[in-house]
Amino acid sequence: MQLGKIVGTVVASQKDQQLEGMKFHLVQTTDLTGAVTGKPIVAVDSVGAGVGELILFASGSSARQTETTNNRPVDAVIMAIVDLVEVGGETLYRK
C-alpha cells in the first residue's frame, strides 16, 4: 500500500465491459504529511473518495484483489480514505 492524494478525475465513455460502472481518479503519491511527491497514475475508486483526499492505494497484481476489482484489468485501486497519520506520537496528517 502507498499513500496518495487524489488530484483529478478521469472520464472514459468507451471502455472494456469489465470496467463499466467504475470511477477513475488521478492519484499522486505523497509523503507522510500529504505533500505530493510522485507522478500521477490512474486508479479505480473502490471506496467513494473525492478530489483532494489523502488515500491508500495498491498497484500491480494487488490492485486486482479487492471485491470491486477482482480479476478485472486494473493496475491501481484506491482502497481507503486516510483520516490520520501518526508517527512516534506526533500527528503528521489529520483530515
Protein backbone atom coordinates (compact mmCIF):
# COMPACT_ATOMS: atom_id res chain seq x y z
CA MET A 1 0.00 0.00 0.00
CA GLN A 2 1.04 3.55 -0.66
CA LEU A 3 -0.17 6.95 0.50
CA GLY A 4 -1.54 9.15 -2.26
CA LYS A 5 -3.62 12.22 -2.93
CA ILE A 6 -6.45 12.38 -5.45
CA VAL A 7 -5.58 15.25 -7.80
CA GLY A 8 -8.19 14.75 -10.52
CA THR A 9 -10.79 12.60 -12.20
CA VAL A 10 -10.66 10.60 -15.44
CA VAL A 11 -13.80 10.03 -17.53
CA ALA A 12 -13.81 7.34 -20.23
CA SER A 13 -17.06 6.98 -22.16
CA GLN A 14 -15.75 3.95 -24.11
CA LYS A 15 -14.10 1.21 -22.05
CA ASP A 16 -13.83 -2.54 -21.63
CA GLN A 17 -17.04 -4.13 -20.34
CA GLN A 18 -15.25 -5.23 -17.17
CA LEU A 19 -14.66 -1.55 -16.29
CA GLU A 20 -18.27 -0.42 -16.71
CA GLY A 21 -19.57 1.44 -13.66
CA MET A 22 -16.12 2.09 -12.20
CA LYS A 23 -14.95 5.58 -11.23
CA PHE A 24 -11.39 6.61 -12.11
CA HIS A 25 -9.19 9.16 -10.32
CA LEU A 26 -5.75 10.62 -10.92
CA VAL A 27 -3.61 9.83 -7.88
CA GLN A 28 -0.13 11.08 -6.94
CA THR A 29 1.99 9.50 -4.22
CA THR A 30 2.63 11.64 -1.13
CA ASP A 31 4.90 11.84 1.88
CA LEU A 32 3.54 11.21 5.40
CA THR A 33 2.22 14.78 5.67
CA GLY A 34 0.19 14.53 2.46
CA ALA A 35 2.58 16.57 0.29
CA VAL A 36 2.59 15.30 -3.31
CA THR A 37 5.83 13.59 -4.36
CA GLY A 38 5.18 11.41 -7.40
CA LYS A 39 3.85 11.29 -10.93
CA PRO A 40 0.09 10.87 -11.47
CA ILE A 41 -1.42 7.44 -12.13
CA VAL A 42 -5.00 6.38 -12.85
CA ALA A 43 -6.65 4.32 -10.11
CA VAL A 44 -10.08 2.74 -9.73
CA ASP A 45 -12.00 4.10 -6.73
CA SER A 46 -13.46 1.32 -4.56
CA VAL A 47 -14.37 3.49 -1.53
CA GLY A 48 -16.05 6.67 -2.81
CA ALA A 49 -13.07 9.01 -2.34
CA GLY A 50 -13.00 12.54 -3.73
CA VAL A 51 -10.56 15.01 -5.21
CA GLY A 52 -8.14 16.40 -2.61
CA GLU A 53 -8.42 13.46 -0.21
CA LEU A 54 -5.44 11.53 1.16
CA ILE A 55 -5.92 7.85 0.37
CA LEU A 56 -4.25 4.43 0.48
CA PHE A 57 -3.84 2.68 -2.84
CA ALA A 58 -2.35 -0.53 -4.17
CA SER A 59 -0.85 -1.14 -7.57
CA GLY A 60 0.19 -4.10 -9.70
CA SER A 61 -1.37 -7.50 -9.07
CA SER A 62 -2.51 -6.38 -5.59
CA ALA A 63 -4.88 -3.92 -7.26
CA ARG A 64 -6.96 -6.84 -8.54
CA GLN A 65 -7.64 -8.29 -5.08
CA THR A 66 -10.49 -6.07 -3.85
CA GLU A 67 -14.15 -7.04 -4.30
CA THR A 68 -14.55 -4.15 -6.77
CA THR A 69 -11.55 -5.05 -8.93
CA ASN A 70 -11.35 -8.85 -8.61
CA ASN A 71 -9.89 -10.25 -11.86
CA ARG A 72 -10.51 -7.01 -13.74
CA PRO A 73 -7.93 -5.25 -15.96
CA VAL A 74 -6.76 -2.62 -13.46
CA ASP A 75 -3.28 -1.67 -12.28
CA ALA A 76 -4.17 0.59 -9.31
CA VAL A 77 -7.04 0.75 -6.81
CA ILE A 78 -7.99 3.23 -4.09
CA MET A 79 -8.94 1.13 -1.06
CA ALA A 80 -9.03 3.52 1.91
CA ILE A 81 -9.54 7.20 2.79
CA VAL A 82 -6.97 8.34 5.36
CA ASP A 83 -8.19 10.23 8.44
CA LEU A 84 -4.94 10.39 10.42
CA VAL A 85 -1.23 9.70 10.04
CA GLU A 86 0.67 9.47 13.34
CA VAL A 87 4.35 8.58 13.73
CA GLY A 88 6.04 8.27 17.13
CA GLY A 89 3.15 10.01 18.88
CA GLU A 90 3.29 13.01 16.51
CA THR A 91 0.36 13.69 14.20
CA LEU A 92 1.70 14.35 10.70
CA TYR A 93 -1.68 14.49 8.91
CA ARG A 94 -5.27 14.92 10.08
CA LYS A 95 -8.26 15.14 7.78
